[in-house]
Amino acid sequence: MDTNAPLGFTPAVGDTELSPQQRSLLALAHELGRTRFAPRAAQWDATASFPFANFDDLRQAGLLAICVPRDHGGAGADYATYMLVAAEVARFCGVTALTWNMHVSSTLWTGVLADGTPMTPAQREEHARRRGLHFDRVVREGAIYAQPFSEGSAAAAGRAPFGTTARKVDGGWIVNGRKIFASLSGAAQYYGLLCTEDKEGVKPDARDTLYLAMPAGSEGFAISGEWDPLGMRGTVSRNLTFENVFVPDAEQLMPRGLYHKGAQTWPAMFFTLAPTYLGLANAAYDFTVQYLRGEVPGEPPVKRRMYPTKQVAVAQMRIQLEGLRSLFLRAVREARPSPSKDERMRLYAAQYTVMEGANDIARLALRTCGGQSMMKHLPLERIYRDSRCGSLMLPWTAELVLDRMGREALYEPGEKDEA
């Protein structure tokens, strides 16, 4: 590919400076999205089924291994590159981008983010050895990794230890517990469990969080519950239960206690849901422009662009979209281990702005395109529902982000009010 040739489209993140790798991967994501993901998007929503065909395309294109280091056979994409490409995928199918993120995060956390997290030499050696197993599965076998997080408690928000526990035994761990809203349930070959180490006689502590990859066929593992949500229906996020499930030592995705340290060191690890919603904001804007120009495939070529109210609405949408893009890009490009307070606050602000702004742009799109846009044979109704779900995504829901920003603005670490 000629890395100097025009892309032929404006990426979801906007017209910005890109590396040769970023240009190549964005072009690939755009082509897959346009020709494969967008035409299939309605079926995953209608049937609340997992986008297996899209993951076959991602696998064939090498995108399941986008963040696997080059020396392990992957694309070696860094944090920023992945975030840009994820937004482009979401522009065509939000549910594919969101589920792909759960998978990619398992390689991103154990790769780039782990490399920037302090470890002892012994931990570093252990991690290098064990993560090779997981990277090889993704590269050689095309394995899919899920990342069940939520439990219906404060644990997913980082305010309490996980209720799912792992007790050390010879050769591995015995896991017990339950996860809810577990995306990729039934589709993944491995489930990256966050659980609390069960130390006899010791009170559970978030610092003792373990990150284990549980094989899908493990005895004592079960998937249950119905899945019929408002939006993001193709994530198939059902309930998982673990009853005395044995997980071998080799399945550790991080050494003991390293997850908590990594989360403290790399807060940007929790920002990886945002590209999906930036992509959806682009999709809502793209459709509105197409619709008003009379260029929606399969629809009568009726132009509605001559009305001033429509023109003003599109201008408002574009202004909001440019704001989302700018804040997103700055947060992504300054993401690093141990960010400054201002960098961390910008990260929170970007999360809130994208998650709330995506649905606001979709709302404007519905109002501007009118009654026809409510019809399910057009994508805007689905984009609207999918975009509304962003503010609910743990660990940084819109409410929790506001809480964090306010608290961290008014209190320095260790400060308390006198009783």
Protein backbone atom coordinates (compact mmCIF):
# COMPACT_ATOMS: atom_id res chain seq x y z
CA MET A 1 0.00 0.00 0.00
CA ASP A 2 1.21 3.53 -0.85
CA THR A 3 1.38 5.16 2.57
CA ASN A 4 1.36 8.62 0.98
CA ALA A 5 -1.75 8.09 -1.15
CA PRO A 6 -5.00 9.74 0.01
CA LEU A 7 -7.15 7.43 2.11
CA GLY A 8 -10.23 8.32 0.09
CA PHE A 9 -12.31 8.87 3.22
CA THR A 10 -12.15 10.87 6.43
CA PRO A 11 -11.58 8.48 9.35
CA ALA A 12 -14.04 8.41 12.24
CA VAL A 13 -11.42 10.17 14.37
CA GLY A 14 -11.20 12.98 11.83
CA ASP A 15 -8.61 14.30 9.43
CA THR A 16 -5.47 13.93 11.53
CA GLU A 17 -1.82 13.02 11.22
CA LEU A 18 -1.37 9.25 10.90
CA SER A 19 1.54 6.85 10.86
CA PRO A 20 1.94 4.46 7.89
CA GLN A 21 0.65 1.59 10.04
CA GLN A 22 -2.35 3.61 11.17
CA ARG A 23 -3.20 4.53 7.58
CA SER A 24 -2.96 0.92 6.47
CA LEU A 25 -5.07 -0.43 9.31
CA LEU A 26 -7.67 2.32 8.96
CA ALA A 27 -8.00 1.58 5.24
CA LEU A 28 -8.45 -2.11 6.03
CA ALA A 29 -11.05 -1.43 8.74
CA HIS A 30 -12.95 0.97 6.48
CA GLU A 31 -13.10 -1.53 3.63
CA LEU A 32 -14.21 -4.39 5.88
CA GLY A 33 -16.77 -2.14 7.52
CA ARG A 34 -18.20 -0.82 4.28
CA THR A 35 -18.38 -4.12 2.41
CA ARG A 36 -18.91 -6.70 5.18
CA PHE A 37 -19.91 -5.27 8.55
CA ALA A 38 -22.49 -2.64 7.57
CA PRO A 39 -24.56 -4.97 5.34
CA ARG A 40 -24.80 -7.53 8.18
CA ALA A 41 -25.36 -5.16 11.10
CA ALA A 42 -29.15 -5.37 11.11
CA GLN A 43 -29.22 -9.16 11.45
CA TRP A 44 -27.21 -9.21 14.70
CA ASP A 45 -29.59 -6.63 16.15
CA ALA A 46 -32.77 -8.33 14.96
CA THR A 47 -31.79 -11.75 16.28
CA ALA A 48 -29.67 -10.65 19.28
CA SER A 49 -26.97 -12.98 17.94
CA PHE A 50 -23.19 -12.76 17.99
CA PRO A 51 -21.46 -11.47 14.81
CA PHE A 52 -19.54 -14.68 14.07
CA ALA A 53 -19.16 -13.83 10.37
CA ASN A 54 -17.57 -10.49 11.23
CA PHE A 55 -15.12 -12.15 13.59
CA ASP A 56 -14.21 -14.56 10.81
CA ASP A 57 -13.34 -11.51 8.71
CA LEU A 58 -11.38 -9.94 11.57
CA ARG A 59 -9.47 -13.19 12.03
CA GLN A 60 -8.66 -13.54 8.34
CA ALA A 61 -7.47 -9.93 8.20
CA GLY A 62 -5.17 -10.43 11.19
CA LEU A 63 -7.14 -7.96 13.29
CA LEU A 64 -7.77 -10.36 16.17
CA ALA A 65 -4.01 -10.01 16.74
CA ILE A 66 -3.84 -6.25 16.15
CA CYS A 67 -2.26 -5.58 19.57
CA VAL A 68 -0.21 -8.77 19.81
CA PRO A 69 3.49 -7.76 19.65
CA ARG A 70 5.29 -8.31 16.35
CA ASP A 71 7.75 -10.73 17.92
CA HIS A 72 4.78 -12.94 18.73
CA GLY A 73 3.37 -12.76 15.20
CA GLY A 74 0.84 -9.97 15.66
CA ALA A 75 0.46 -6.52 14.11
CA GLY A 76 2.15 -4.86 17.09
CA ALA A 77 -0.26 -1.91 17.17
CA ASP A 78 0.12 0.46 20.09
CA TYR A 79 -2.68 1.86 22.23
CA ALA A 80 -3.39 4.90 20.06
CA THR A 81 -3.43 2.90 16.83
CA TYR A 82 -5.93 0.41 18.19
CA MET A 83 -8.20 3.23 19.43
CA LEU A 84 -8.26 4.89 16.01
CA VAL A 85 -9.01 1.63 14.19
CA ALA A 86 -11.72 0.61 16.68
CA ALA A 87 -13.62 3.83 16.01
CA GLU A 88 -13.54 3.10 12.28
CA VAL A 89 -14.94 -0.43 12.80
CA ALA A 90 -17.73 0.99 14.97
CA ARG A 91 -18.76 3.41 12.26
CA PHE A 92 -20.17 0.40 10.38
CA CYS A 93 -21.16 -1.99 13.20
CA GLY A 94 -21.16 -0.89 16.82
CA VAL A 95 -21.66 -4.37 18.21
CA THR A 96 -18.66 -5.73 16.31
CA ALA A 97 -16.44 -2.94 17.60
CA LEU A 98 -17.62 -3.38 21.18
CA THR A 99 -17.11 -7.14 21.28
CA TRP A 100 -13.82 -6.86 19.39
CA ASN A 101 -12.70 -4.48 22.13
CA MET A 102 -13.31 -7.11 24.82
CA HIS A 103 -11.09 -9.50 22.91
CA VAL A 104 -8.37 -7.00 22.00
CA SER A 105 -8.18 -5.74 25.58
CA SER A 106 -6.88 -9.13 26.71
CA THR A 107 -3.87 -8.68 24.41
CA LEU A 108 -3.54 -4.94 25.03
CA TRP A 109 -3.56 -5.31 28.81
CA THR A 110 -1.05 -8.16 28.76
CA GLY A 111 1.05 -6.48 26.07
CA VAL A 112 1.60 -2.71 25.85
CA LEU A 113 -0.03 -1.89 29.19
CA ALA A 114 1.79 -4.62 31.11
CA ASP A 115 5.08 -3.45 29.60
CA GLY A 116 4.47 -0.05 31.20
CA THR A 117 3.52 -1.45 34.61
CA PRO A 118 6.25 -1.88 37.27
CA MET A 119 7.17 -5.52 37.95
CA THR A 120 9.97 -7.34 39.68
CA PRO A 121 12.40 -9.20 37.38
CA ALA A 122 10.81 -12.49 38.47
CA GLN A 123 7.33 -11.21 37.66
CA ARG A 124 8.49 -9.87 34.31
CA GLU A 125 9.99 -13.25 33.40
CA GLU A 126 6.85 -15.08 34.49
CA HIS A 127 4.62 -12.72 32.55
CA ALA A 128 6.72 -12.92 29.38
CA ARG A 129 6.55 -16.70 29.48
CA ARG A 130 2.85 -17.00 30.17
CA ARG A 131 1.55 -14.32 27.86
CA GLY A 132 3.29 -16.06 24.98
CA LEU A 133 0.80 -18.90 25.36
CA HIS A 134 -2.16 -16.56 24.98
CA PHE A 135 -0.63 -14.58 22.13
CA ASP A 136 0.09 -17.80 20.28
CA ARG A 137 -3.52 -18.93 20.62
CA VAL A 138 -4.76 -15.69 19.09
CA VAL A 139 -2.21 -15.66 16.25
CA ARG A 140 -2.00 -19.37 15.40
CA GLU A 141 -5.48 -20.58 16.34
CA GLY A 142 -7.52 -17.41 15.90
CA ALA A 143 -8.83 -17.83 19.44
CA ILE A 144 -11.33 -15.31 20.83
CA TYR A 145 -10.93 -14.04 24.38
CA ALA A 146 -13.84 -12.56 26.35
CA GLN A 147 -13.43 -10.25 29.32
CA PRO A 148 -16.25 -10.74 31.85
CA PHE A 149 -16.12 -7.87 34.30
CA SER A 150 -19.43 -6.97 35.91
CA GLU A 151 -20.93 -8.62 38.97
CA GLY A 152 -23.66 -6.17 39.98
CA SER A 153 -21.49 -4.78 42.79
CA ALA A 154 -18.98 -1.98 43.31
CA ALA A 155 -16.12 -4.24 42.21
CA ALA A 156 -16.31 -3.36 38.51
CA ALA A 157 -16.04 0.32 39.45
CA GLY A 158 -12.84 -0.43 41.37
CA ARG A 159 -14.38 0.26 44.76
CA ALA A 160 -14.47 -3.26 46.19
CA PRO A 161 -12.89 -6.67 45.65
CA PHE A 162 -14.53 -8.96 43.10
CA GLY A 163 -17.01 -11.46 44.47
CA THR A 164 -15.70 -14.12 42.09
CA THR A 165 -12.84 -15.80 43.95
CA ALA A 166 -9.86 -17.99 43.11
CA ARG A 167 -8.22 -20.27 45.68
CA LYS A 168 -4.69 -21.51 45.07
CA VAL A 169 -4.26 -25.27 44.73
CA ASP A 170 -1.51 -27.45 43.29
CA GLY A 171 -1.06 -26.58 39.64
CA GLY A 172 -3.64 -23.84 39.46
CA TRP A 173 -6.72 -22.19 40.93
CA ILE A 174 -10.24 -23.15 41.96
CA VAL A 175 -12.67 -20.46 40.82
CA ASN A 176 -16.13 -19.81 42.24
CA GLY A 177 -18.52 -16.98 41.52
CA ARG A 178 -20.69 -15.26 38.95
CA LYS A 179 -20.43 -12.59 36.26
CA ILE A 180 -23.27 -10.65 34.62
CA PHE A 181 -23.41 -8.73 31.32
CA ALA A 182 -20.64 -11.02 30.08
CA SER A 183 -20.18 -10.09 26.42
CA LEU A 184 -19.18 -12.83 23.95
CA SER A 185 -20.82 -15.47 26.14
CA GLY A 186 -20.90 -18.67 24.12
CA ALA A 187 -18.66 -17.19 21.41
CA ALA A 188 -15.29 -17.01 23.18
CA GLN A 189 -12.85 -19.87 23.56
CA TYR A 190 -11.36 -18.26 26.69
CA TYR A 191 -12.84 -16.00 29.37
CA GLY A 192 -10.44 -13.50 30.99
CA LEU A 193 -11.77 -13.53 34.54
CA LEU A 194 -11.09 -10.83 37.08
CA CYS A 195 -11.40 -12.42 40.49
CA THR A 196 -10.15 -11.97 44.04
CA GLU A 197 -7.59 -14.34 45.46
CA ASP A 198 -9.17 -16.30 48.31
CA LYS A 199 -6.55 -16.25 51.06
CA GLU A 200 -7.60 -18.28 54.07
CA GLY A 201 -8.14 -16.05 57.10
CA VAL A 202 -7.48 -12.85 55.13
CA LYS A 203 -10.16 -10.28 54.32
CA PRO A 204 -10.77 -9.94 50.55
CA ASP A 205 -8.78 -7.05 49.09
CA ALA A 206 -8.95 -5.44 45.63
CA ARG A 207 -5.14 -5.47 45.57
CA ASP A 208 -5.35 -9.27 45.39
CA THR A 209 -7.20 -9.26 42.06
CA LEU A 210 -6.23 -12.07 39.69
CA TYR A 211 -6.60 -12.08 35.92
CA LEU A 212 -7.11 -15.65 34.68
CA ALA A 213 -8.05 -17.10 31.29
CA MET A 214 -10.63 -19.82 31.80
CA PRO A 215 -11.12 -22.22 28.85
CA ALA A 216 -14.72 -22.29 27.62
CA GLY A 217 -15.05 -26.06 28.08
CA SER A 218 -14.05 -26.06 31.74
CA GLU A 219 -16.02 -28.33 34.07
CA GLY A 220 -18.22 -26.32 36.42
CA PHE A 221 -18.61 -23.39 34.00
CA ALA A 222 -22.13 -22.49 32.82
CA ILE A 223 -23.86 -19.78 30.77
CA SER A 224 -27.42 -18.81 31.63
CA GLY A 225 -30.07 -16.12 31.34
CA GLU A 226 -31.99 -14.48 28.53
CA TRP A 227 -30.53 -11.70 26.39
CA ASP A 228 -33.09 -9.26 24.99
CA PRO A 229 -31.76 -5.73 25.65
CA LEU A 230 -32.51 -2.27 24.28
CA GLY A 231 -29.31 -1.98 22.27
CA MET A 232 -25.96 -3.61 21.59
CA ARG A 233 -27.94 -6.80 21.17
CA GLY A 234 -25.27 -8.74 19.30
CA THR A 235 -22.89 -8.66 22.26
CA VAL A 236 -24.86 -11.61 23.73
CA SER A 237 -23.90 -10.59 27.27
CA ARG A 238 -25.45 -13.38 29.34
CA ASN A 239 -24.61 -14.57 32.86
CA LEU A 240 -21.64 -16.79 33.70
CA THR A 241 -21.34 -19.02 36.75
CA PHE A 242 -18.28 -20.82 38.07
CA GLU A 243 -18.61 -23.73 40.47
CA ASN A 244 -15.26 -25.14 41.58
CA VAL A 245 -13.76 -24.53 38.14
CA PHE A 246 -10.10 -25.53 37.93
CA VAL A 247 -7.92 -23.07 36.00
CA PRO A 248 -4.27 -24.12 35.46
CA ASP A 249 -1.42 -21.83 36.51
CA ALA A 250 -0.42 -21.38 32.87
CA GLU A 251 -3.71 -19.56 32.24
CA GLN A 252 -2.74 -16.51 34.30
CA LEU A 253 -2.92 -13.44 32.10
CA MET A 254 -0.96 -11.40 34.66
CA PRO A 255 1.14 -12.37 37.69
CA ARG A 256 -0.57 -12.32 41.08
CA GLY A 257 -1.54 -8.81 42.18
CA LEU A 258 -0.44 -7.13 38.95
CA TYR A 259 -3.90 -6.28 37.65
CA HIS A 260 -4.58 -3.79 40.45
CA LYS A 261 -1.20 -2.15 39.95
CA GLY A 262 -1.80 -1.99 36.20
CA ALA A 263 -5.20 -0.33 36.68
CA GLN A 264 -3.64 2.30 38.93
CA THR A 265 -0.74 2.86 36.53
CA TRP A 266 -2.72 2.90 33.27
CA PRO A 267 -6.17 4.49 33.77
CA ALA A 268 -6.48 4.75 29.98
CA MET A 269 -7.03 0.99 29.91
CA PHE A 270 -10.66 1.71 30.79
CA PHE A 271 -11.10 4.22 27.95
CA THR A 272 -11.14 1.52 25.26
CA LEU A 273 -14.95 1.37 25.15
CA ALA A 274 -15.13 4.97 23.92
CA PRO A 275 -14.05 4.36 20.29
CA THR A 276 -17.19 2.32 19.72
CA TYR A 277 -19.37 5.29 20.61
CA LEU A 278 -17.29 7.78 18.63
CA GLY A 279 -17.81 5.48 15.65
CA LEU A 280 -21.56 5.45 16.26
CA ALA A 281 -21.61 9.25 16.40
CA ASN A 282 -19.94 9.27 12.98
CA ALA A 283 -22.46 6.75 11.69
CA ALA A 284 -25.38 8.94 12.76
CA TYR A 285 -23.84 11.98 11.08
CA ASP A 286 -22.93 10.04 7.92
CA PHE A 287 -26.47 8.72 7.56
CA THR A 288 -28.05 12.15 8.06
CA VAL A 289 -25.92 13.70 5.33
CA GLN A 290 -26.69 10.80 2.97
CA TYR A 291 -30.42 10.98 3.74
CA LEU A 292 -30.73 14.72 3.23
CA ARG A 293 -28.79 14.45 -0.05
CA GLY A 294 -31.11 11.66 -1.24
CA GLU A 295 -28.25 9.16 -1.45
CA VAL A 296 -29.33 6.35 0.91
CA PRO A 297 -29.08 3.04 -1.01
CA GLY A 298 -32.48 1.49 -1.65
CA GLU A 299 -34.40 4.66 -0.80
CA PRO A 300 -36.04 7.09 -3.25
CA PRO A 301 -33.52 9.78 -4.33
CA VAL A 302 -35.46 12.57 -2.65
CA LYS A 303 -33.36 15.56 -1.59
CA ARG A 304 -34.21 17.38 1.65
CA ARG A 305 -31.07 19.45 1.94
CA MET A 306 -32.62 22.74 0.77
CA TYR A 307 -34.50 23.41 4.03
CA PRO A 308 -32.72 25.83 6.42
CA THR A 309 -33.77 23.86 9.50
CA LYS A 310 -32.08 20.76 8.09
CA GLN A 311 -28.93 22.69 7.27
CA VAL A 312 -28.73 24.16 10.77
CA ALA A 313 -29.25 20.73 12.35
CA VAL A 314 -26.43 19.20 10.30
CA ALA A 315 -24.19 22.09 11.28
CA GLN A 316 -25.00 21.46 14.96
CA MET A 317 -24.22 17.75 14.54
CA ARG A 318 -20.90 18.50 12.87
CA ILE A 319 -19.91 20.94 15.61
CA GLN A 320 -20.62 18.30 18.26
CA LEU A 321 -18.82 15.61 16.28
CA GLU A 322 -15.69 17.76 15.91
CA GLY A 323 -15.71 18.36 19.67
CA LEU A 324 -15.92 14.63 20.35
CA ARG A 325 -13.13 13.88 17.92
CA SER A 326 -10.79 16.54 19.28
CA LEU A 327 -11.12 15.57 22.93
CA PHE A 328 -10.94 11.87 22.08
CA LEU A 329 -7.76 12.30 20.05
CA ARG A 330 -6.02 14.36 22.69
CA ALA A 331 -6.86 11.83 25.41
CA VAL A 332 -5.69 8.95 23.24
CA ARG A 333 -2.42 10.57 22.23
CA GLU A 334 -1.41 11.53 25.74
CA ALA A 335 -2.39 8.17 27.28
CA ARG A 336 0.58 6.76 29.18
CA PRO A 337 1.57 5.11 32.46
CA SER A 338 1.14 7.31 35.55
CA PRO A 339 -0.54 10.28 33.84
CA SER A 340 -0.63 13.72 35.45
CA LYS A 341 -3.77 14.93 37.18
CA ASP A 342 -4.71 17.10 34.19
CA GLU A 343 -4.21 14.20 31.79
CA ARG A 344 -6.37 11.96 33.97
CA MET A 345 -9.11 14.59 34.19
CA ARG A 346 -9.05 14.99 30.40
CA LEU A 347 -9.39 11.24 30.07
CA TYR A 348 -12.52 11.29 32.24
CA ALA A 349 -13.86 14.29 30.32
CA ALA A 350 -13.30 12.52 27.01
CA GLN A 351 -15.10 9.41 28.25
CA TYR A 352 -18.11 11.38 29.42
CA THR A 353 -18.22 13.60 26.34
CA VAL A 354 -18.06 10.72 23.87
CA MET A 355 -20.52 8.48 25.70
CA GLU A 356 -23.14 11.19 26.17
CA GLY A 357 -22.38 13.04 22.94
CA ALA A 358 -22.83 10.02 20.68
CA ASN A 359 -26.44 9.62 21.69
CA ASP A 360 -27.08 13.34 21.48
CA ILE A 361 -25.85 13.35 17.87
CA ALA A 362 -28.06 10.32 17.16
CA ARG A 363 -30.99 12.16 18.74
CA LEU A 364 -30.42 15.14 16.44
CA ALA A 365 -30.16 12.76 13.51
CA LEU A 366 -33.56 11.22 14.24
CA ARG A 367 -35.21 14.60 14.63
CA THR A 368 -33.62 15.93 11.46
CA CYS A 369 -34.33 12.93 9.23
CA GLY A 370 -37.91 12.68 10.46
CA GLY A 371 -40.37 9.82 10.77
CA GLN A 372 -38.84 7.66 8.06
CA SER A 373 -35.66 7.34 10.14
CA MET A 374 -37.56 5.35 12.80
CA MET A 375 -38.00 2.44 10.42
CA LYS A 376 -35.95 -0.64 11.24
CA HIS A 377 -34.86 -1.23 7.67
CA LEU A 378 -32.72 1.91 8.05
CA PRO A 379 -29.75 1.97 10.45
CA LEU A 380 -30.48 5.15 12.41
CA GLU A 381 -33.00 3.56 14.78
CA ARG A 382 -30.40 0.93 15.72
CA ILE A 383 -27.60 3.49 16.01
CA TYR A 384 -29.76 5.53 18.38
CA ARG A 385 -30.42 2.55 20.65
CA ASP A 386 -26.83 1.33 20.57
CA SER A 387 -25.46 4.80 21.32
CA ARG A 388 -27.67 5.20 24.38
CA CYS A 389 -25.91 2.24 26.01
CA GLY A 390 -22.50 3.92 26.23
CA SER A 391 -23.22 5.83 29.42
CA LEU A 392 -23.98 2.54 31.20
CA MET A 393 -20.63 0.88 30.46
CA LEU A 394 -18.60 -0.07 33.52
CA PRO A 395 -16.17 0.70 34.98
CA TRP A 396 -16.58 4.30 33.78
CA THR A 397 -20.31 4.93 33.52
CA ALA A 398 -21.36 8.55 33.02
CA GLU A 399 -22.36 8.80 36.69
CA LEU A 400 -19.11 7.31 37.97
CA VAL A 401 -17.05 9.61 35.76
CA LEU A 402 -18.82 12.68 37.13
CA ASP A 403 -18.23 11.39 40.64
CA ARG A 404 -14.52 10.79 39.98
CA MET A 405 -13.98 14.16 38.33
CA GLY A 406 -15.66 16.10 41.09
CA ARG A 407 -13.89 14.24 43.86
CA GLU A 408 -10.45 14.37 42.28
CA ALA A 409 -10.83 18.07 41.46
CA LEU A 410 -11.65 18.96 45.07
CA TYR A 411 -9.48 16.47 46.97
CA GLU A 412 -5.79 15.74 46.63
CA PRO A 413 -4.69 12.15 47.39
CA GLY A 414 -5.04 11.43 51.11
CA GLU A 415 -7.12 14.51 51.90
CA LYS A 416 -10.21 14.10 54.07
CA ASP A 417 -12.68 16.47 55.69
CA GLU A 418 -12.56 16.77 59.44
CA ALA A 419 -15.50 15.22 61.23
